[in-house]
Amino acid sequence: MMSKIPKNLSDSDMLTTCDKETNQADTAKTEQLPVVQPGYESGFLTPELTKLVGKALLELKVKLYKDGIIDYNIKVKQEGNQVIMTAAPRKNKPKPNSV
């Protein structure tokens, strides 16, 4: 909801008013953000393991980028005692022809 714009303000008065409104809007947005609690899934990953997995994923991302693959999905599957993460290029959807 926008308030009425006051007339005959100096530049500094306009900026002060703008800063106050911006701070109020930021505060309102901050209050609305949901707090994300880690689920049971993250309980299996120690900080060290999270760092190792993150490093491996970063190396994979760089390798894919060098191969010209920018848009990809990571598929996760379990085989026996292994969890396997595989990068697969996304298939581009054909664009509809415009007339």
C-alpha atoms as a PDB file:
ATOM      1  CA  MET A   1       0.000   0.000   0.000  1.00  0.00           C
ATOM      2  CA  MET A   2       1.541   3.277  -1.063  1.00  0.00           C
ATOM      3  CA  SER A   3       1.210   6.412   0.979  1.00  0.00           C
ATOM      4  CA  LYS A   4       0.496   9.833  -0.421  1.00  0.00           C
ATOM      5  CA  ILE A   5       3.582  11.563  -1.838  1.00  0.00           C
ATOM      6  CA  PRO A   6       4.410  14.709   0.138  1.00  0.00           C
ATOM      7  CA  LYS A   7       5.097  17.890  -1.836  1.00  0.00           C
ATOM      8  CA  ASN A   8       7.850  20.518  -1.518  1.00  0.00           C
ATOM      9  CA  LEU A   9      10.466  18.328   0.193  1.00  0.00           C
ATOM     10  CA  SER A  10      14.175  18.951  -0.055  1.00  0.00           C
ATOM     11  CA  ASP A  11      16.403  16.243  -1.539  1.00  0.00           C
ATOM     12  CA  SER A  12      17.657  15.181   1.885  1.00  0.00           C
ATOM     13  CA  ASP A  13      14.081  14.962   3.232  1.00  0.00           C
ATOM     14  CA  MET A  14      13.071  12.764   0.287  1.00  0.00           C
ATOM     15  CA  LEU A  15      16.044  10.448   0.839  1.00  0.00           C
ATOM     16  CA  THR A  16      15.334  10.221   4.557  1.00  0.00           C
ATOM     17  CA  THR A  17      11.725   9.288   3.851  1.00  0.00           C
ATOM     18  CA  CYS A  18      12.817   6.769   1.231  1.00  0.00           C
ATOM     19  CA  ASP A  19      15.362   5.185   3.608  1.00  0.00           C
ATOM     20  CA  LYS A  20      12.737   4.821   6.335  1.00  0.00           C
ATOM     21  CA  GLU A  21      10.290   3.151   3.939  1.00  0.00           C
ATOM     22  CA  THR A  22      12.997   0.835   2.620  1.00  0.00           C
ATOM     23  CA  ASN A  23      14.017  -0.191   6.136  1.00  0.00           C
ATOM     24  CA  GLN A  24      10.387  -0.881   7.041  1.00  0.00           C
ATOM     25  CA  ALA A  25       9.950  -2.998   3.894  1.00  0.00           C
ATOM     26  CA  ASP A  26      13.177  -4.925   4.612  1.00  0.00           C
ATOM     27  CA  THR A  27      12.056  -5.574   8.178  1.00  0.00           C
ATOM     28  CA  ALA A  28       8.693  -6.849   6.964  1.00  0.00           C
ATOM     29  CA  LYS A  29      10.384  -9.192   4.456  1.00  0.00           C
ATOM     30  CA  THR A  30      12.787 -10.500   7.104  1.00  0.00           C
ATOM     31  CA  GLU A  31       9.920 -11.296   9.442  1.00  0.00           C
ATOM     32  CA  GLN A  32       8.117 -13.269   6.704  1.00  0.00           C
ATOM     33  CA  LEU A  33      11.006 -15.588   5.803  1.00  0.00           C
ATOM     34  CA  PRO A  34      10.449 -19.119   7.046  1.00  0.00           C
ATOM     35  CA  VAL A  35      13.112 -20.632   9.238  1.00  0.00           C
ATOM     36  CA  VAL A  36      14.503 -23.751   7.617  1.00  0.00           C
ATOM     37  CA  GLN A  37      15.418 -26.416  10.115  1.00  0.00           C
ATOM     38  CA  PRO A  38      17.820 -29.105   8.975  1.00  0.00           C
ATOM     39  CA  GLY A  39      16.013 -32.373   8.399  1.00  0.00           C
ATOM     40  CA  TYR A  40      17.075 -35.849   9.334  1.00  0.00           C
ATOM     41  CA  GLU A  41      18.886 -36.127   5.982  1.00  0.00           C
ATOM     42  CA  SER A  42      21.609 -33.697   7.050  1.00  0.00           C
ATOM     43  CA  GLY A  43      22.232 -35.691  10.236  1.00  0.00           C
ATOM     44  CA  PHE A  44      24.175 -38.227   8.203  1.00  0.00           C
ATOM     45  CA  LEU A  45      26.590 -35.630   6.856  1.00  0.00           C
ATOM     46  CA  THR A  46      29.291 -34.468   9.228  1.00  0.00           C
ATOM     47  CA  PRO A  47      30.850 -31.059   8.519  1.00  0.00           C
ATOM     48  CA  GLU A  48      33.929 -32.806   7.131  1.00  0.00           C
ATOM     49  CA  LEU A  49      31.854 -35.012   4.842  1.00  0.00           C
ATOM     50  CA  THR A  50      29.792 -32.008   3.708  1.00  0.00           C
ATOM     51  CA  LYS A  51      33.034 -30.236   2.806  1.00  0.00           C
ATOM     52  CA  LEU A  52      34.306 -33.255   0.839  1.00  0.00           C
ATOM     53  CA  VAL A  53      31.043 -33.671  -1.070  1.00  0.00           C
ATOM     54  CA  GLY A  54      30.918 -29.937  -1.789  1.00  0.00           C
ATOM     55  CA  LYS A  55      34.483 -29.996  -3.101  1.00  0.00           C
ATOM     56  CA  ALA A  56      33.743 -32.985  -5.337  1.00  0.00           C
ATOM     57  CA  LEU A  57      30.608 -31.300  -6.704  1.00  0.00           C
ATOM     58  CA  LEU A  58      32.554 -28.110  -7.410  1.00  0.00           C
ATOM     59  CA  GLU A  59      35.216 -30.088  -9.291  1.00  0.00           C
ATOM     60  CA  LEU A  60      32.461 -31.815 -11.273  1.00  0.00           C
ATOM     61  CA  LYS A  61      30.876 -28.462 -12.101  1.00  0.00           C
ATOM     62  CA  VAL A  62      34.193 -27.104 -13.390  1.00  0.00           C
ATOM     63  CA  LYS A  63      34.787 -30.245 -15.482  1.00  0.00           C
ATOM     64  CA  LEU A  64      31.308 -30.021 -16.994  1.00  0.00           C
ATOM     65  CA  TYR A  65      31.814 -26.325 -17.735  1.00  0.00           C
ATOM     66  CA  LYS A  66      35.075 -27.111 -19.552  1.00  0.00           C
ATOM     67  CA  ASP A  67      33.160 -29.710 -21.567  1.00  0.00           C
ATOM     68  CA  GLY A  68      30.585 -27.069 -22.509  1.00  0.00           C
ATOM     69  CA  ILE A  69      27.825 -28.426 -20.277  1.00  0.00           C
ATOM     70  CA  ILE A  70      26.303 -25.632 -18.239  1.00  0.00           C
ATOM     71  CA  ASP A  71      22.741 -26.817 -17.649  1.00  0.00           C
ATOM     72  CA  TYR A  72      22.605 -30.216 -15.978  1.00  0.00           C
ATOM     73  CA  ASN A  73      20.778 -32.279 -13.366  1.00  0.00           C
ATOM     74  CA  ILE A  74      22.376 -34.385 -10.672  1.00  0.00           C
ATOM     75  CA  LYS A  75      20.784 -37.798 -10.284  1.00  0.00           C
ATOM     76  CA  VAL A  76      21.260 -39.682  -7.011  1.00  0.00           C
ATOM     77  CA  LYS A  77      20.851 -43.422  -6.656  1.00  0.00           C
ATOM     78  CA  GLN A  78      21.844 -46.121  -4.226  1.00  0.00           C
ATOM     79  CA  GLU A  79      23.487 -49.380  -5.246  1.00  0.00           C
ATOM     80  CA  GLY A  80      24.316 -51.708  -2.404  1.00  0.00           C
ATOM     81  CA  ASN A  81      26.564 -49.821   0.012  1.00  0.00           C
ATOM     82  CA  GLN A  82      27.207 -46.968  -2.421  1.00  0.00           C
ATOM     83  CA  VAL A  83      25.409 -43.700  -3.065  1.00  0.00           C
ATOM     84  CA  ILE A  84      26.109 -42.581  -6.627  1.00  0.00           C
ATOM     85  CA  MET A  85      25.631 -39.045  -7.889  1.00  0.00           C
ATOM     86  CA  THR A  86      25.634 -38.665 -11.661  1.00  0.00           C
ATOM     87  CA  ALA A  87      25.507 -35.438 -13.673  1.00  0.00           C
ATOM     88  CA  ALA A  88      23.244 -35.563 -16.709  1.00  0.00           C
ATOM     89  CA  PRO A  89      22.807 -32.697 -19.190  1.00  0.00           C
ATOM     90  CA  ARG A  90      19.304 -31.289 -19.236  1.00  0.00           C
ATOM     91  CA  LYS A  91      17.351 -31.778 -22.385  1.00  0.00           C
ATOM     92  CA  ASN A  92      16.248 -28.472 -23.852  1.00  0.00           C
ATOM     93  CA  LYS A  93      12.579 -28.248 -24.638  1.00  0.00           C
ATOM     94  CA  PRO A  94      11.928 -27.131 -28.208  1.00  0.00           C
ATOM     95  CA  LYS A  95      10.562 -23.619 -28.408  1.00  0.00           C
ATOM     96  CA  PRO A  96       7.158 -23.266 -30.066  1.00  0.00           C
ATOM     97  CA  ASN A  97       7.332 -21.638 -33.469  1.00  0.00           C
ATOM     98  CA  SER A  98       6.033 -18.109 -33.395  1.00  0.00           C
ATOM     99  CA  VAL A  99       4.072 -16.843 -36.385  1.00  0.00           C
END
